[in-house]
């Protein structure tokens, strides 16, 4: 006995009629999902490499700004303290304020290629002798400040100094390591009233200084000071912070560039906000 088969025409018709409308509604999200968000992988990889670098450089500049600010705070704290008599100085430290009683000798030098406000000149280094030490006289090298250079570089500016005993104030500052010793040769002899290019311990030993590794920069209120305007740090914290802002701005610009050039963000925004409403059937 043969069992008659049920007609599947109705089911097929129902299936077709049931999927006809959803296919229209679901086709749009399906096509949108098929479009990848990142459309340029090479550009994305390049931005991925550059972005952390820019952020790291910005953080490094902020760190440098913090270090320079800490140095300036330490310097301000030392310079604001009372000057120490040079005879009572036990452990020399950078920026320690000192006071000396003595007189200038005729031994002075011109430290070349020193600028103030973009103008080239010399810093005057002069020997100062103190006679109030229990161990006898002591000799210190004083940086009196800056003098402008004339139009004729062969003519050095005249240096005036008092002959009577004076009280001067300043702060200790280290000199560079010795560069005057020539391996296998004879150290260069420093001549008084001459032009030099660097201040080092070799010069201090030749001048028979008390501490060849130190010299004293005059305070601006000393009556024998020239133009001082000492630069305490090579770069101030504000400049480092400005550099950090530049690096972070470049990182932000790179991120925006990646969104616009390497992704389909604009297309997705356009589809979301400017998509035509679906017609009701």
Protein backbone atom coordinates (compact mmCIF):
# COMPACT_ATOMS: atom_id res chain seq x y z
CA UNK A 1 0.00 0.00 0.00
CA UNK A 2 1.49 3.25 -1.03
CA UNK A 3 1.27 6.14 1.39
CA UNK A 4 0.62 9.31 -0.48
CA UNK A 5 3.35 11.90 -0.02
CA UNK A 6 2.43 15.17 1.54
CA UNK A 7 2.80 18.04 -0.72
CA UNK A 8 5.67 20.33 0.30
CA UNK A 9 4.51 23.08 -2.00
CA UNK A 10 2.86 24.90 0.82
CA UNK A 11 5.92 24.58 3.05
CA UNK A 12 8.21 25.63 0.24
CA UNK A 13 5.95 28.54 -0.49
CA UNK A 14 5.90 29.45 3.17
CA UNK A 15 9.67 29.20 3.36
CA UNK A 16 10.11 31.38 0.33
CA UNK A 17 7.54 33.88 1.46
CA UNK A 18 9.01 33.85 4.96
CA UNK A 19 12.59 34.56 3.91
CA UNK A 20 11.82 37.03 1.19
CA UNK A 21 11.26 39.97 3.51
CA UNK A 22 14.07 39.18 6.06
CA UNK A 23 16.57 38.85 3.24
CA UNK A 24 15.83 42.44 2.33
CA UNK A 25 16.09 43.63 5.94
CA UNK A 26 19.17 41.60 6.86
CA UNK A 27 21.03 42.15 3.63
CA UNK A 28 22.01 45.71 4.55
CA UNK A 29 23.70 44.83 7.91
CA UNK A 30 25.32 41.84 6.27
CA UNK A 31 26.91 43.99 3.60
CA UNK A 32 28.00 46.58 6.21
CA UNK A 33 29.55 43.89 8.37
CA UNK A 34 31.41 42.51 5.40
CA UNK A 35 33.27 45.80 5.04
CA UNK A 36 36.35 45.71 7.29
CA UNK A 37 36.92 48.64 9.63
CA UNK A 38 40.66 48.87 8.69
CA UNK A 39 41.13 49.29 4.98
CA UNK A 40 44.90 50.00 4.90
CA UNK A 41 47.00 47.61 6.94
CA UNK A 42 50.42 49.00 5.86
CA UNK A 43 49.45 52.49 7.00
CA UNK A 44 47.97 51.07 10.19
CA UNK A 45 51.19 49.20 11.00
CA UNK A 46 53.22 52.34 10.35
CA UNK A 47 51.01 54.37 12.68
CA UNK A 48 51.17 51.58 15.25
CA UNK A 49 54.96 51.90 15.28
CA UNK A 50 55.07 55.70 15.36
CA UNK A 51 52.34 56.35 17.94
CA UNK A 52 54.10 54.73 20.95
CA UNK A 53 57.34 56.43 19.89
CA UNK A 54 55.72 59.88 19.96
CA UNK A 55 54.06 59.20 23.31
CA UNK A 56 57.37 57.95 24.72
CA UNK A 57 59.21 61.07 23.55
CA UNK A 58 56.57 63.27 25.16
CA UNK A 59 56.85 61.41 28.47
CA UNK A 60 60.65 61.62 28.27
CA UNK A 61 60.47 65.40 27.89
CA UNK A 62 58.16 65.62 30.90
CA UNK A 63 60.63 63.54 32.88
CA UNK A 64 63.47 65.84 31.82
CA UNK A 65 61.38 68.85 32.87
CA UNK A 66 60.91 67.30 36.31
CA UNK A 67 64.64 66.67 36.65
CA UNK A 68 65.53 70.22 35.63
CA UNK A 69 62.93 71.64 38.02
CA UNK A 70 64.42 69.57 40.84
CA UNK A 71 67.89 70.91 39.99
CA UNK A 72 66.60 74.49 39.98
CA UNK A 73 64.90 73.98 43.33
CA UNK A 74 68.15 72.66 44.80
CA UNK A 75 70.12 75.55 43.29
CA UNK A 76 67.65 78.14 44.60
CA UNK A 77 67.80 76.61 48.06
CA UNK A 78 71.61 76.76 48.12
CA UNK A 79 71.91 80.23 46.63
CA UNK A 80 69.35 81.64 49.04
CA UNK A 81 71.43 80.52 52.04
CA UNK A 82 74.01 82.74 53.73
CA UNK A 83 77.46 82.83 52.08
CA UNK A 84 80.11 80.75 53.80
CA UNK A 85 83.52 82.19 54.58
CA UNK A 86 86.03 80.61 52.28
CA UNK A 87 88.21 79.73 55.30
CA UNK A 88 85.30 77.76 56.81
CA UNK A 89 84.61 75.80 53.66
CA UNK A 90 85.19 72.09 54.31
CA UNK A 91 83.42 70.21 51.53
CA UNK A 92 83.02 72.16 48.28
CA UNK A 93 79.69 71.68 46.56
CA UNK A 94 78.29 73.17 43.37
CA UNK A 95 76.33 76.42 43.92
CA UNK A 96 77.57 76.82 47.51
CA UNK A 97 77.56 80.58 48.26
CA UNK A 98 80.95 81.81 49.49
CA UNK A 99 82.46 85.08 50.70
CA UNK A 100 86.10 86.03 50.24
CA UNK A 101 88.24 88.86 51.61
CA UNK A 102 91.36 89.65 49.62
CA UNK A 103 92.54 91.30 46.44
CA UNK A 104 92.75 90.66 42.71
CA UNK A 105 96.10 89.91 41.13
CA UNK A 106 97.11 90.94 37.63
CA UNK A 107 96.61 87.38 36.41
CA UNK A 108 93.49 87.23 34.29
CA UNK A 109 92.39 85.37 31.15
CA UNK A 110 89.74 85.75 28.47
CA UNK A 111 87.42 82.74 28.14
CA UNK A 112 86.48 82.94 24.47
CA UNK A 113 83.21 82.34 22.60
CA UNK A 114 80.81 83.29 25.41
CA UNK A 115 77.53 84.88 24.39
CA UNK A 116 74.95 87.12 26.04
CA UNK A 117 71.74 87.95 24.19
CA UNK A 118 73.21 86.60 20.95
CA UNK A 119 76.35 88.74 21.15
CA UNK A 120 79.81 87.16 21.26
CA UNK A 121 82.30 88.11 23.97
CA UNK A 122 84.54 86.82 26.74
CA UNK A 123 84.17 85.75 30.35
CA UNK A 124 86.94 87.24 32.49
CA UNK A 125 88.75 84.75 34.74
CA UNK A 126 90.94 86.46 37.34
CA UNK A 127 92.98 85.17 40.27
CA UNK A 128 91.93 86.35 43.72
CA UNK A 129 94.18 85.95 46.77
CA UNK A 130 92.91 85.75 50.32
CA UNK A 131 95.26 86.44 53.23
CA UNK A 132 93.01 85.64 56.17
CA UNK A 133 93.60 81.91 56.15
CA UNK A 134 95.44 80.33 59.08
CA UNK A 135 97.39 78.26 56.58
CA UNK A 136 98.55 81.35 54.72
CA UNK A 137 97.39 82.77 51.43
CA UNK A 138 94.99 80.89 49.20
CA UNK A 139 94.38 81.51 45.52
CA UNK A 140 91.02 81.19 43.82
CA UNK A 141 89.97 81.70 40.22
CA UNK A 142 87.06 84.14 39.94
CA UNK A 143 84.75 84.34 36.95
CA UNK A 144 83.84 88.01 37.05
CA UNK A 145 81.36 87.85 34.19
CA UNK A 146 81.11 88.81 30.54
CA UNK A 147 82.63 91.53 28.37
CA UNK A 148 81.60 92.10 24.73
CA UNK A 149 84.12 91.50 21.96
CA UNK A 150 85.03 94.37 19.68
CA UNK A 151 84.82 94.43 15.91
CA UNK A 152 88.52 93.64 15.72
CA UNK A 153 88.94 90.22 17.27
CA UNK A 154 92.69 90.71 17.55
CA UNK A 155 92.11 93.50 20.10
CA UNK A 156 91.02 92.19 23.48
CA UNK A 157 88.82 94.43 25.67
CA UNK A 158 90.45 96.19 28.59
CA UNK A 159 89.87 94.69 32.03
CA UNK A 160 89.71 97.04 35.02
CA UNK A 161 89.98 95.82 38.59
CA UNK A 162 90.48 97.40 42.02
CA UNK A 163 93.93 97.33 43.63
CA UNK A 164 92.65 97.59 47.21
CA UNK A 165 91.34 94.69 49.26
CA UNK A 166 87.76 93.76 48.56
CA UNK A 167 85.03 91.51 49.90
CA UNK A 168 83.44 89.52 47.10
CA UNK A 169 80.59 87.00 47.09
CA UNK A 170 79.78 84.28 44.61
CA UNK A 171 79.13 80.58 44.33
CA UNK A 172 81.27 77.55 43.61
CA UNK A 173 81.13 75.98 40.16
CA UNK A 174 83.16 73.02 38.86
CA UNK A 175 85.55 73.20 35.94
CA UNK A 176 86.05 70.63 33.21
CA UNK A 177 88.49 67.78 33.28
CA UNK A 178 92.03 68.54 32.20
CA UNK A 179 92.50 68.91 28.44
CA UNK A 180 95.91 70.58 28.51
CA UNK A 181 97.94 67.42 28.96
CA UNK A 182 99.13 66.01 25.66
CA UNK A 183 100.05 62.28 25.71
CA UNK A 184 103.77 61.95 25.08
CA UNK A 185 104.17 65.72 24.87
CA UNK A 186 104.56 68.87 26.97
CA UNK A 187 101.48 70.52 28.50
CA UNK A 188 100.64 73.86 26.95
CA UNK A 189 101.70 76.86 29.03
CA UNK A 190 99.00 79.36 29.91
CA UNK A 191 100.04 82.99 29.46
CA UNK A 192 98.36 85.71 31.52
CA UNK A 193 96.06 88.13 29.65
CA UNK A 194 95.66 85.54 26.92
CA UNK A 195 92.58 84.14 25.20
CA UNK A 196 91.64 80.58 26.15
CA UNK A 197 88.99 78.25 24.78
CA UNK A 198 88.18 76.13 27.85
CA UNK A 199 88.49 76.14 31.61
CA UNK A 200 89.94 72.93 33.04
CA UNK A 201 91.93 71.54 35.98
CA UNK A 202 95.19 71.86 34.05
CA UNK A 203 94.73 75.63 34.06
CA UNK A 204 94.00 75.59 37.79
CA UNK A 205 97.18 73.68 38.55
CA UNK A 206 99.25 76.09 36.49
CA UNK A 207 97.80 79.03 38.42
CA UNK A 208 98.52 77.28 41.76
CA UNK A 209 94.91 77.46 42.86
CA UNK A 210 93.69 76.20 46.21
CA UNK A 211 91.22 73.85 44.50
CA UNK A 212 92.04 73.47 40.77
CA UNK A 213 88.76 71.63 40.13
CA UNK A 214 86.64 74.60 41.25
CA UNK A 215 86.20 78.26 40.39
CA UNK A 216 83.91 80.95 41.77
CA UNK A 217 81.28 82.78 39.76
CA UNK A 218 80.63 86.24 41.09
CA UNK A 219 77.20 87.25 42.29
CA UNK A 220 75.50 89.99 40.32
CA UNK A 221 75.48 92.28 43.38
CA UNK A 222 79.28 92.19 43.77
CA UNK A 223 80.75 95.58 42.89
CA UNK A 224 83.55 93.97 40.87
CA UNK A 225 81.15 91.83 38.81
CA UNK A 226 80.73 92.40 35.11
CA UNK A 227 77.63 91.19 33.25
CA UNK A 228 76.87 87.84 34.90
CA UNK A 229 73.48 86.42 33.82
CA UNK A 230 74.62 82.91 34.67
CA UNK A 231 72.79 80.05 32.97
CA UNK A 232 72.12 77.56 35.75
CA UNK A 233 70.76 74.78 33.51
CA UNK A 234 71.24 74.20 29.80
CA UNK A 235 67.48 73.96 29.11
CA UNK A 236 64.79 75.28 31.46
CA UNK A 237 61.79 73.12 32.47
CA UNK A 238 59.35 75.27 30.48
CA UNK A 239 61.13 74.45 27.23
CA UNK A 240 61.02 70.72 28.00
CA UNK A 241 57.29 70.98 28.68
CA UNK A 242 56.85 72.78 25.39
CA UNK A 243 58.66 69.96 23.61
CA UNK A 244 56.38 67.45 25.36
CA UNK A 245 53.28 69.29 24.13
CA UNK A 246 54.66 69.16 20.59
CA UNK A 247 55.24 65.39 20.76
CA UNK A 248 51.78 64.73 22.22
CA UNK A 249 50.20 66.97 19.56
CA UNK A 250 51.98 64.99 16.85
CA UNK A 251 50.68 61.76 18.40
CA UNK A 252 47.12 63.12 18.40
CA UNK A 253 47.45 64.27 14.79
CA UNK A 254 48.78 60.84 13.81
CA UNK A 255 45.78 59.14 15.45
CA UNK A 256 43.34 61.40 13.59
CA UNK A 257 45.21 60.77 10.34
CA UNK A 258 44.97 57.01 10.91
CA UNK A 259 41.22 57.23 11.51
CA UNK A 260 40.64 59.24 8.34
CA UNK A 261 43.09 57.55 5.97
CA UNK A 262 43.36 53.93 7.11
CA UNK A 263 39.84 53.10 8.33
CA UNK A 264 36.26 53.18 7.09
CA UNK A 265 35.12 55.41 9.92
CA UNK A 266 33.80 58.09 7.59
CA UNK A 267 31.80 55.56 5.57
CA UNK A 268 30.29 54.06 8.69
CA UNK A 269 29.34 57.47 10.04
CA UNK A 270 27.82 58.35 6.68
CA UNK A 271 25.84 55.10 6.61
CA UNK A 272 24.63 55.64 10.18
CA UNK A 273 23.55 59.24 9.93
CA UNK A 274 22.68 59.64 6.26
CA UNK A 275 21.11 56.23 5.56
CA UNK A 276 17.73 56.38 3.81
CA UNK A 277 14.79 54.99 5.84
CA UNK A 278 13.64 51.57 4.61
CA UNK A 279 10.34 51.57 2.77
CA UNK A 280 7.51 49.77 4.46
CA UNK A 281 5.80 47.12 2.42
